[in-house]
């Protein structure tokens, strides 16, 4: 597979992974079925409501998804897109009013919770379920039902209704408060503090002891010793063994002997019968007289 195909595949897969992760962070956190004297909507009316919690640490746009009270009709109410109110901040909430009055705004649903058995949130394709919450049959007025902790798995009736707020209404003991109950006289705390101090002192002692050894090193003596050893090594390297010198001399001698081949030259001189040069003779250029 070429690099171009891998790049295109990555561009397709990564947004889908991010979208899937975004949807998993949306949870139905709290619902109020019967509202007699509780939360009032922007029209001054009291209705049942659904709170959705964004459990991630990034804003999530819930626009385009579906809310329903019937699993057979997952696309019962489509949350409109493009409205800034549908963007849930990190670790925050959004409340929808189940009053069967969708004309009052995008946060008003087209169904009620009084005769419903569940509430479900579906993805924008209307097929994949994101989260659902069963509505208890013994619901009482002005008592909400939901997760005992925001984003938790344990469900139950809440002591206080908390629309657009955390479901934890009681202050939890901090770690320091729990430790204070376990160690009221501070003995364990003193032992821990002393052990930390003494272990730190022991570590510092080891560090300073090693630093002292480094400072006590005579660096000049070390360099002087190295300088004295270097000339001896150079002198040993300069000497050439006799066997090596003899081999070099023999090789040079053989090379000189093989530069030229053995050559023999023989000159042969043959005496001619005529002592004069035929080139300067004029007898061959004279006319012969007839007899």
C-alpha atoms as a PDB file:
ATOM      1  CA  UNK A   1       0.000   0.000   0.000  1.00  0.00           C
ATOM      2  CA  UNK A   2       1.415   3.344  -1.018  1.00  0.00           C
ATOM      3  CA  UNK A   3       2.045   6.226   1.357  1.00  0.00           C
ATOM      4  CA  UNK A   4      -0.710   8.249  -0.301  1.00  0.00           C
ATOM      5  CA  UNK A   5      -3.309   5.550   0.399  1.00  0.00           C
ATOM      6  CA  UNK A   6      -2.159   5.260   4.014  1.00  0.00           C
ATOM      7  CA  UNK A   7      -2.447   9.020   4.441  1.00  0.00           C
ATOM      8  CA  UNK A   8      -5.989   9.060   3.009  1.00  0.00           C
ATOM      9  CA  UNK A   9      -6.971   6.124   5.240  1.00  0.00           C
ATOM     10  CA  UNK A  10      -5.598   7.930   8.300  1.00  0.00           C
ATOM     11  CA  UNK A  11      -7.566  11.063   7.407  1.00  0.00           C
ATOM     12  CA  UNK A  12     -10.734   8.959   7.303  1.00  0.00           C
ATOM     13  CA  UNK A  13     -10.139   6.875  10.443  1.00  0.00           C
ATOM     14  CA  UNK A  14      -8.879   9.508  12.905  1.00  0.00           C
ATOM     15  CA  UNK A  15     -11.954  11.790  12.688  1.00  0.00           C
ATOM     16  CA  UNK A  16     -14.173   8.740  13.185  1.00  0.00           C
ATOM     17  CA  UNK A  17     -12.201   7.732  16.265  1.00  0.00           C
ATOM     18  CA  UNK A  18     -12.452  11.246  17.649  1.00  0.00           C
ATOM     19  CA  UNK A  19     -16.196  11.341  16.963  1.00  0.00           C
ATOM     20  CA  UNK A  20     -16.688   7.983  18.674  1.00  0.00           C
ATOM     21  CA  UNK A  21     -14.708   9.138  21.696  1.00  0.00           C
ATOM     22  CA  UNK A  22     -16.756  12.347  21.794  1.00  0.00           C
ATOM     23  CA  UNK A  23     -20.047  10.423  21.894  1.00  0.00           C
ATOM     24  CA  UNK A  24     -18.838   8.087  24.646  1.00  0.00           C
ATOM     25  CA  UNK A  25     -18.273  11.080  26.908  1.00  0.00           C
ATOM     26  CA  UNK A  26     -21.956  12.111  26.769  1.00  0.00           C
ATOM     27  CA  UNK A  27     -24.022  10.604  29.589  1.00  0.00           C
ATOM     28  CA  UNK A  28     -27.585  11.043  30.782  1.00  0.00           C
ATOM     29  CA  UNK A  29     -26.768  12.243  34.281  1.00  0.00           C
ATOM     30  CA  UNK A  30     -30.044  13.194  35.979  1.00  0.00           C
ATOM     31  CA  UNK A  31     -33.759  13.264  35.207  1.00  0.00           C
ATOM     32  CA  UNK A  32     -36.779  14.750  36.952  1.00  0.00           C
ATOM     33  CA  UNK A  33     -40.060  13.095  36.054  1.00  0.00           C
ATOM     34  CA  UNK A  34     -42.595  15.035  38.152  1.00  0.00           C
ATOM     35  CA  UNK A  35     -41.989  18.723  38.724  1.00  0.00           C
ATOM     36  CA  UNK A  36     -44.393  20.396  41.127  1.00  0.00           C
ATOM     37  CA  UNK A  37     -42.244  23.064  42.781  1.00  0.00           C
ATOM     38  CA  UNK A  38     -38.824  22.632  41.256  1.00  0.00           C
ATOM     39  CA  UNK A  39     -36.767  23.990  38.361  1.00  0.00           C
ATOM     40  CA  UNK A  40     -38.521  26.548  36.136  1.00  0.00           C
ATOM     41  CA  UNK A  41     -37.806  26.857  32.409  1.00  0.00           C
ATOM     42  CA  UNK A  42     -37.358  30.097  30.436  1.00  0.00           C
ATOM     43  CA  UNK A  43     -41.157  30.381  30.020  1.00  0.00           C
ATOM     44  CA  UNK A  44     -41.796  30.238  33.759  1.00  0.00           C
ATOM     45  CA  UNK A  45     -43.222  26.715  33.569  1.00  0.00           C
ATOM     46  CA  UNK A  46     -42.386  23.633  35.604  1.00  0.00           C
ATOM     47  CA  UNK A  47     -41.751  20.523  33.542  1.00  0.00           C
ATOM     48  CA  UNK A  48     -39.803  17.337  33.686  1.00  0.00           C
ATOM     49  CA  UNK A  49     -36.241  17.686  32.481  1.00  0.00           C
ATOM     50  CA  UNK A  50     -33.217  15.678  31.347  1.00  0.00           C
ATOM     51  CA  UNK A  51     -29.644  16.593  32.239  1.00  0.00           C
ATOM     52  CA  UNK A  52     -26.777  15.402  29.994  1.00  0.00           C
ATOM     53  CA  UNK A  53     -23.211  15.472  31.299  1.00  0.00           C
ATOM     54  CA  UNK A  54     -20.051  15.942  29.216  1.00  0.00           C
ATOM     55  CA  UNK A  55     -17.522  13.717  30.993  1.00  0.00           C
ATOM     56  CA  UNK A  56     -14.603  14.698  28.747  1.00  0.00           C
ATOM     57  CA  UNK A  57     -12.127  17.545  29.157  1.00  0.00           C
ATOM     58  CA  UNK A  58     -13.016  19.075  25.789  1.00  0.00           C
ATOM     59  CA  UNK A  59     -16.170  20.821  24.574  1.00  0.00           C
ATOM     60  CA  UNK A  60     -18.687  18.593  22.785  1.00  0.00           C
ATOM     61  CA  UNK A  61     -21.408  19.701  20.367  1.00  0.00           C
ATOM     62  CA  UNK A  62     -24.523  17.627  20.906  1.00  0.00           C
ATOM     63  CA  UNK A  63     -26.240  19.141  17.866  1.00  0.00           C
ATOM     64  CA  UNK A  64     -27.505  16.607  15.328  1.00  0.00           C
ATOM     65  CA  UNK A  65     -28.028  13.831  17.886  1.00  0.00           C
ATOM     66  CA  UNK A  66     -31.392  12.405  18.962  1.00  0.00           C
ATOM     67  CA  UNK A  67     -33.304  12.175  22.249  1.00  0.00           C
ATOM     68  CA  UNK A  68     -36.192   9.774  22.641  1.00  0.00           C
ATOM     69  CA  UNK A  69     -38.371   7.959  25.169  1.00  0.00           C
ATOM     70  CA  UNK A  70     -39.028   5.062  22.782  1.00  0.00           C
ATOM     71  CA  UNK A  71     -36.306   2.732  21.499  1.00  0.00           C
ATOM     72  CA  UNK A  72     -38.536   1.812  18.574  1.00  0.00           C
ATOM     73  CA  UNK A  73     -38.442   5.458  17.498  1.00  0.00           C
ATOM     74  CA  UNK A  74     -34.820   6.526  18.056  1.00  0.00           C
ATOM     75  CA  UNK A  75     -35.191   9.691  15.947  1.00  0.00           C
ATOM     76  CA  UNK A  76     -38.069  11.120  17.917  1.00  0.00           C
ATOM     77  CA  UNK A  77     -36.420  14.475  18.659  1.00  0.00           C
ATOM     78  CA  UNK A  78     -33.457  15.755  16.701  1.00  0.00           C
ATOM     79  CA  UNK A  79     -31.323  18.291  18.527  1.00  0.00           C
ATOM     80  CA  UNK A  80     -30.807  21.162  16.055  1.00  0.00           C
ATOM     81  CA  UNK A  81     -27.339  21.939  14.759  1.00  0.00           C
ATOM     82  CA  UNK A  82     -25.553  25.265  14.601  1.00  0.00           C
ATOM     83  CA  UNK A  83     -26.759  26.670  17.908  1.00  0.00           C
ATOM     84  CA  UNK A  84     -24.065  27.615  20.454  1.00  0.00           C
ATOM     85  CA  UNK A  85     -26.288  26.359  23.272  1.00  0.00           C
ATOM     86  CA  UNK A  86     -25.782  22.771  22.097  1.00  0.00           C
ATOM     87  CA  UNK A  87     -22.021  23.002  22.752  1.00  0.00           C
ATOM     88  CA  UNK A  88     -21.387  21.500  26.192  1.00  0.00           C
ATOM     89  CA  UNK A  89     -18.230  22.823  27.896  1.00  0.00           C
ATOM     90  CA  UNK A  90     -15.745  20.369  29.433  1.00  0.00           C
ATOM     91  CA  UNK A  91     -17.115  18.589  32.513  1.00  0.00           C
ATOM     92  CA  UNK A  92     -20.334  20.555  32.219  1.00  0.00           C
ATOM     93  CA  UNK A  93     -24.059  19.999  31.651  1.00  0.00           C
ATOM     94  CA  UNK A  94     -27.018  20.772  29.402  1.00  0.00           C
ATOM     95  CA  UNK A  95     -30.702  20.507  30.406  1.00  0.00           C
ATOM     96  CA  UNK A  96     -33.592  19.631  28.060  1.00  0.00           C
ATOM     97  CA  UNK A  97     -37.204  20.223  29.111  1.00  0.00           C
ATOM     98  CA  UNK A  98     -39.543  17.275  28.527  1.00  0.00           C
ATOM     99  CA  UNK A  99     -42.765  19.302  28.113  1.00  0.00           C
ATOM    100  CA  UNK A 100     -43.916  18.259  24.621  1.00  0.00           C
ATOM    101  CA  UNK A 101     -43.555  21.861  23.444  1.00  0.00           C
ATOM    102  CA  UNK A 102     -40.774  21.891  20.811  1.00  0.00           C
ATOM    103  CA  UNK A 103     -41.946  25.296  19.571  1.00  0.00           C
ATOM    104  CA  UNK A 104     -40.596  26.891  22.770  1.00  0.00           C
ATOM    105  CA  UNK A 105     -37.006  26.397  21.614  1.00  0.00           C
ATOM    106  CA  UNK A 106     -34.340  23.857  20.815  1.00  0.00           C
ATOM    107  CA  UNK A 107     -34.076  22.797  24.472  1.00  0.00           C
ATOM    108  CA  UNK A 108     -37.771  21.826  24.642  1.00  0.00           C
ATOM    109  CA  UNK A 109     -38.556  18.242  23.624  1.00  0.00           C
ATOM    110  CA  UNK A 110     -41.573  16.807  21.821  1.00  0.00           C
ATOM    111  CA  UNK A 111     -42.362  14.258  24.538  1.00  0.00           C
ATOM    112  CA  UNK A 112     -42.924  14.050  28.306  1.00  0.00           C
ATOM    113  CA  UNK A 113     -41.516  11.766  30.996  1.00  0.00           C
ATOM    114  CA  UNK A 114     -44.695  11.089  32.985  1.00  0.00           C
ATOM    115  CA  UNK A 115     -45.727   7.959  31.110  1.00  0.00           C
ATOM    116  CA  UNK A 116     -42.293   7.039  29.797  1.00  0.00           C
ATOM    117  CA  UNK A 117     -40.167   4.052  30.779  1.00  0.00           C
ATOM    118  CA  UNK A 118     -36.785   5.282  29.640  1.00  0.00           C
ATOM    119  CA  UNK A 119     -34.782   8.102  28.139  1.00  0.00           C
ATOM    120  CA  UNK A 120     -32.204   7.430  25.424  1.00  0.00           C
ATOM    121  CA  UNK A 121     -29.606   9.405  23.501  1.00  0.00           C
ATOM    122  CA  UNK A 122     -28.687   8.305  19.966  1.00  0.00           C
ATOM    123  CA  UNK A 123     -25.938   9.353  17.605  1.00  0.00           C
ATOM    124  CA  UNK A 124     -26.596  11.537  14.572  1.00  0.00           C
ATOM    125  CA  UNK A 125     -27.205   8.447  12.407  1.00  0.00           C
ATOM    126  CA  UNK A 126     -30.174   7.542  14.597  1.00  0.00           C
ATOM    127  CA  UNK A 127     -28.949   3.958  14.996  1.00  0.00           C
ATOM    128  CA  UNK A 128     -26.142   3.766  17.533  1.00  0.00           C
ATOM    129  CA  UNK A 129     -27.168   4.163  21.157  1.00  0.00           C
ATOM    130  CA  UNK A 130     -24.958   6.526  23.148  1.00  0.00           C
ATOM    131  CA  UNK A 131     -26.613   6.233  26.563  1.00  0.00           C
ATOM    132  CA  UNK A 132     -29.949   5.399  28.148  1.00  0.00           C
ATOM    133  CA  UNK A 133     -31.531   5.597  31.595  1.00  0.00           C
ATOM    134  CA  UNK A 134     -34.522   3.632  32.808  1.00  0.00           C
ATOM    135  CA  UNK A 135     -37.210   5.684  34.557  1.00  0.00           C
ATOM    136  CA  UNK A 136     -38.215   4.190  37.932  1.00  0.00           C
ATOM    137  CA  UNK A 137     -41.893   3.437  38.398  1.00  0.00           C
ATOM    138  CA  UNK A 138     -41.893   4.761  41.963  1.00  0.00           C
ATOM    139  CA  UNK A 139     -40.771   8.277  41.052  1.00  0.00           C
ATOM    140  CA  UNK A 140     -41.960  11.003  43.408  1.00  0.00           C
ATOM    141  CA  UNK A 141     -42.571  14.690  42.706  1.00  0.00           C
ATOM    142  CA  UNK A 142     -39.567  17.000  42.918  1.00  0.00           C
ATOM    143  CA  UNK A 143     -37.168  14.098  43.553  1.00  0.00           C
ATOM    144  CA  UNK A 144     -34.744  13.504  40.733  1.00  0.00           C
ATOM    145  CA  UNK A 145     -33.210  10.214  39.681  1.00  0.00           C
ATOM    146  CA  UNK A 146     -29.743   9.754  38.236  1.00  0.00           C
ATOM    147  CA  UNK A 147     -26.097   8.992  38.820  1.00  0.00           C
ATOM    148  CA  UNK A 148     -24.997   9.385  42.429  1.00  0.00           C
ATOM    149  CA  UNK A 149     -21.716  10.794  41.111  1.00  0.00           C
ATOM    150  CA  UNK A 150     -21.312  12.692  37.861  1.00  0.00           C
ATOM    151  CA  UNK A 151     -20.533  10.156  35.153  1.00  0.00           C
ATOM    152  CA  UNK A 152     -20.629   7.275  37.652  1.00  0.00           C
ATOM    153  CA  UNK A 153     -22.318   3.904  37.204  1.00  0.00           C
ATOM    154  CA  UNK A 154     -24.340   3.778  40.426  1.00  0.00           C
ATOM    155  CA  UNK A 155     -27.908   5.077  40.012  1.00  0.00           C
ATOM    156  CA  UNK A 156     -30.483   6.148  42.566  1.00  0.00           C
ATOM    157  CA  UNK A 157     -32.749   8.899  43.838  1.00  0.00           C
ATOM    158  CA  UNK A 158     -30.830  12.040  44.697  1.00  0.00           C
ATOM    159  CA  UNK A 159     -31.257  13.933  47.952  1.00  0.00           C
ATOM    160  CA  UNK A 160     -31.335  17.234  46.082  1.00  0.00           C
ATOM    161  CA  UNK A 161     -32.168  18.105  42.512  1.00  0.00           C
ATOM    162  CA  UNK A 162     -29.140  19.621  40.818  1.00  0.00           C
ATOM    163  CA  UNK A 163     -29.903  20.719  37.233  1.00  0.00           C
ATOM    164  CA  UNK A 164     -26.775  22.085  35.499  1.00  0.00           C
ATOM    165  CA  UNK A 165     -24.730  21.229  38.602  1.00  0.00           C
ATOM    166  CA  UNK A 166     -22.879  18.324  40.143  1.00  0.00           C
ATOM    167  CA  UNK A 167     -24.911  15.535  41.706  1.00  0.00           C
ATOM    168  CA  UNK A 168     -22.585  15.426  44.718  1.00  0.00           C
ATOM    169  CA  UNK A 169     -24.208  17.741  47.240  1.00  0.00           C
ATOM    170  CA  UNK A 170     -22.429  16.525  50.378  1.00  0.00           C
ATOM    171  CA  UNK A 171     -18.876  17.541  51.101  1.00  0.00           C
ATOM    172  CA  UNK A 172     -16.425  14.672  50.958  1.00  0.00           C
ATOM    173  CA  UNK A 173     -13.620  14.224  53.379  1.00  0.00           C
ATOM    174  CA  UNK A 174     -10.269  15.181  51.983  1.00  0.00           C
ATOM    175  CA  UNK A 175      -7.235  12.915  52.267  1.00  0.00           C
ATOM    176  CA  UNK A 176      -5.808  15.132  54.989  1.00  0.00           C
ATOM    177  CA  UNK A 177      -9.006  14.874  57.023  1.00  0.00           C
ATOM    178  CA  UNK A 178      -9.055  11.083  56.697  1.00  0.00           C
ATOM    179  CA  UNK A 179      -5.405  10.876  57.750  1.00  0.00           C
ATOM    180  CA  UNK A 180      -6.135  13.170  60.690  1.00  0.00           C
ATOM    181  CA  UNK A 181      -8.778  10.754  61.949  1.00  0.00           C
ATOM    182  CA  UNK A 182      -6.402   7.799  61.639  1.00  0.00           C
ATOM    183  CA  UNK A 183      -3.555   9.653  63.375  1.00  0.00           C
ATOM    184  CA  UNK A 184      -5.114  12.092  65.864  1.00  0.00           C
ATOM    185  CA  UNK A 185      -1.872  12.659  67.824  1.00  0.00           C
ATOM    186  CA  UNK A 186       0.383  13.097  64.782  1.00  0.00           C
ATOM    187  CA  UNK A 187       2.793  10.292  65.707  1.00  0.00           C
ATOM    188  CA  UNK A 188       2.722   8.669  62.267  1.00  0.00           C
ATOM    189  CA  UNK A 189       3.115  12.053  60.615  1.00  0.00           C
ATOM    190  CA  UNK A 190       6.194  12.797  62.756  1.00  0.00           C
ATOM    191  CA  UNK A 191       7.758   9.426  61.898  1.00  0.00           C
ATOM    192  CA  UNK A 192       7.153   9.940  58.185  1.00  0.00           C
ATOM    193  CA  UNK A 193       8.574  13.470  58.299  1.00  0.00           C
ATOM    194  CA  UNK A 194      11.690  12.372  60.197  1.00  0.00           C
ATOM    195  CA  UNK A 195      12.298   9.444  57.831  1.00  0.00           C
ATOM    196  CA  UNK A 196      12.064  11.759  54.835  1.00  0.00           C
ATOM    197  CA  UNK A 197      14.501  14.234  56.414  1.00  0.00           C
ATOM    198  CA  UNK A 198      17.069  11.592  57.425  1.00  0.00           C
ATOM    199  CA  UNK A 199      16.923   9.825  54.064  1.00  0.00           C
ATOM    200  CA  UNK A 200      17.474  13.171  52.326  1.00  0.00           C
ATOM    201  CA  UNK A 201      20.467  13.908  54.573  1.00  0.00           C
ATOM    202  CA  UNK A 202      21.976  10.480  53.857  1.00  0.00           C
ATOM    203  CA  UNK A 203      21.590  11.024  50.129  1.00  0.00           C
ATOM    204  CA  UNK A 204      23.204  14.460  50.343  1.00  0.00           C
ATOM    205  CA  UNK A 205      26.087  13.002  52.367  1.00  0.00           C
ATOM    206  CA  UNK A 206      26.829  10.454  49.639  1.00  0.00           C
ATOM    207  CA  UNK A 207      26.704  13.133  46.971  1.00  0.00           C
ATOM    208  CA  UNK A 208      29.062  15.499  48.814  1.00  0.00           C
ATOM    209  CA  UNK A 209      31.480  12.669  49.591  1.00  0.00           C
ATOM    210  CA  UNK A 210      31.811  11.801  45.919  1.00  0.00           C
ATOM    211  CA  UNK A 211      32.146  15.474  44.991  1.00  0.00           C
ATOM    212  CA  UNK A 212      35.034  15.769  47.488  1.00  0.00           C
ATOM    213  CA  UNK A 213      36.856  12.888  45.761  1.00  0.00           C
ATOM    214  CA  UNK A 214      36.528  14.655  42.441  1.00  0.00           C
ATOM    215  CA  UNK A 215      37.935  17.900  43.819  1.00  0.00           C
ATOM    216  CA  UNK A 216      40.903  16.081  45.436  1.00  0.00           C
ATOM    217  CA  UNK A 217      42.096  14.626  42.152  1.00  0.00           C
ATOM    218  CA  UNK A 218      45.526  15.992  41.059  1.00  0.00           C
ATOM    219  CA  UNK A 219      44.707  16.742  37.461  1.00  0.00           C
ATOM    220  CA  UNK A 220      48.138  18.278  36.741  1.00  0.00           C
ATOM    221  CA  UNK A 221      49.933  15.109  37.831  1.00  0.00           C
ATOM    222  CA  UNK A 222      47.708  13.020  35.591  1.00  0.00           C
ATOM    223  CA  UNK A 223      48.470  15.182  32.549  1.00  0.00           C
ATOM    224  CA  UNK A 224      52.224  15.216  33.396  1.00  0.00           C
ATOM    225  CA  UNK A 225      52.292  11.424  33.548  1.00  0.00           C
ATOM    226  CA  UNK A 226      50.631  11.218  30.155  1.00  0.00           C
ATOM    227  CA  UNK A 227      53.185  13.605  28.638  1.00  0.00           C
ATOM    228  CA  UNK A 228      56.071  11.475  29.959  1.00  0.00           C
ATOM    229  CA  UNK A 229      54.591   8.314  28.495  1.00  0.00           C
ATOM    230  CA  UNK A 230      53.988   9.780  25.024  1.00  0.00           C
ATOM    231  CA  UNK A 231      57.737  10.308  23.994  1.00  0.00           C
ATOM    232  CA  UNK A 232      58.580   6.716  24.974  1.00  0.00           C
ATOM    233  CA  UNK A 233      55.788   5.434  22.808  1.00  0.00           C
ATOM    234  CA  UNK A 234      56.979   7.604  19.887  1.00  0.00           C
ATOM    235  CA  UNK A 235      60.555   6.325  20.256  1.00  0.00           C
ATOM    236  CA  UNK A 236      59.351   2.749  20.125  1.00  0.00           C
ATOM    237  CA  UNK A 237      57.331   3.483  17.021  1.00  0.00           C
ATOM    238  CA  UNK A 238      60.331   5.114  15.193  1.00  0.00           C
ATOM    239  CA  UNK A 239      62.630   1.987  15.292  1.00  0.00           C
ATOM    240  CA  UNK A 240      62.406  -0.410  12.257  1.00  0.00           C
ATOM    241  CA  UNK A 241      63.354  -4.080  12.742  1.00  0.00           C
ATOM    242  CA  UNK A 242      66.283  -5.449  10.637  1.00  0.00           C
ATOM    243  CA  UNK A 243      64.155  -8.114   8.974  1.00  0.00           C
ATOM    244  CA  UNK A 244      61.823  -5.457   7.620  1.00  0.00           C
ATOM    245  CA  UNK A 245      64.735  -3.359   6.307  1.00  0.00           C
ATOM    246  CA  UNK A 246      66.288  -6.403   4.547  1.00  0.00           C
ATOM    247  CA  UNK A 247      63.007  -7.287   2.902  1.00  0.00           C
ATOM    248  CA  UNK A 248      62.595  -3.717   1.627  1.00  0.00           C
ATOM    249  CA  UNK A 249      66.163  -3.643   0.213  1.00  0.00           C
ATOM    250  CA  UNK A 250      65.696  -6.967  -1.581  1.00  0.00           C
ATOM    251  CA  UNK A 251      62.445  -5.813  -3.099  1.00  0.00           C
ATOM    252  CA  UNK A 252      64.082  -2.615  -4.400  1.00  0.00           C
ATOM    253  CA  UNK A 253      66.987  -4.579  -5.917  1.00  0.00           C
ATOM    254  CA  UNK A 254      64.688  -6.951  -7.762  1.00  0.00           C
ATOM    255  CA  UNK A 255      62.661  -4.042  -9.035  1.00  0.00           C
ATOM    256  CA  UNK A 256      65.780  -2.342 -10.468  1.00  0.00           C
ATOM    257  CA  UNK A 257      66.881  -5.555 -12.196  1.00  0.00           C
ATOM    258  CA  UNK A 258      63.558  -6.047 -13.916  1.00  0.00           C
ATOM    259  CA  UNK A 259      63.247  -2.541 -15.362  1.00  0.00           C
ATOM    260  CA  UNK A 260      64.953  -3.465 -18.791  1.00  0.00           C
ATOM    261  CA  UNK A 261      65.154  -6.780 -20.687  1.00  0.00           C
ATOM    262  CA  UNK A 262      68.481  -8.177 -22.011  1.00  0.00           C
ATOM    263  CA  UNK A 263      69.043  -6.751 -25.544  1.00  0.00           C
ATOM    264  CA  UNK A 264      71.604  -7.871 -28.340  1.00  0.00           C
ATOM    265  CA  UNK A 265      72.264  -5.766 -31.478  1.00  0.00           C
ATOM    266  CA  UNK A 266      74.117  -7.120 -34.621  1.00  0.00           C
ATOM    267  CA  UNK A 267      75.087  -4.748 -37.455  1.00  0.00           C
ATOM    268  CA  UNK A 268      75.800  -6.296 -40.922  1.00  0.00           C
ATOM    269  CA  UNK A 269      77.764  -4.212 -43.493  1.00  0.00           C
ATOM    270  CA  UNK A 270      77.929  -5.490 -47.120  1.00  0.00           C
ATOM    271  CA  UNK A 271      80.416  -3.939 -49.511  1.00  0.00           C
ATOM    272  CA  UNK A 272      79.059  -3.054 -53.003  1.00  0.00           C
ATOM    273  CA  UNK A 273      80.933  -3.595 -56.273  1.00  0.00           C
ATOM    274  CA  UNK A 274      80.660  -0.022 -57.450  1.00  0.00           C
ATOM    275  CA  UNK A 275      82.583   2.571 -55.603  1.00  0.00           C
ATOM    276  CA  UNK A 276      80.602   5.479 -56.862  1.00  0.00           C
ATOM    277  CA  UNK A 277      77.113   6.424 -56.096  1.00  0.00           C
ATOM    278  CA  UNK A 278      74.682   5.529 -58.886  1.00  0.00           C
ATOM    279  CA  UNK A 279      72.742   8.651 -58.082  1.00  0.00           C
ATOM    280  CA  UNK A 280      75.560  10.923 -59.202  1.00  0.00           C
ATOM    281  CA  UNK A 281      76.500   8.873 -62.324  1.00  0.00           C
ATOM    282  CA  UNK A 282      75.684  10.588 -65.596  1.00  0.00           C
ATOM    283  CA  UNK A 283      76.449   7.750 -68.005  1.00  0.00           C
ATOM    284  CA  UNK A 284      72.929   6.506 -67.852  1.00  0.00           C
ATOM    285  CA  UNK A 285      71.619   9.846 -68.989  1.00  0.00           C
ATOM    286  CA  UNK A 286      73.772  10.149 -72.228  1.00  0.00           C
ATOM    287  CA  UNK A 287      72.498   9.160 -75.631  1.00  0.00           C
ATOM    288  CA  UNK A 288      74.112   6.208 -77.299  1.00  0.00           C
ATOM    289  CA  UNK A 289      75.545   6.821 -80.782  1.00  0.00           C
ATOM    290  CA  UNK A 290      74.346   4.456 -83.436  1.00  0.00           C
ATOM    291  CA  UNK A 291      76.879   2.152 -85.116  1.00  0.00           C
END
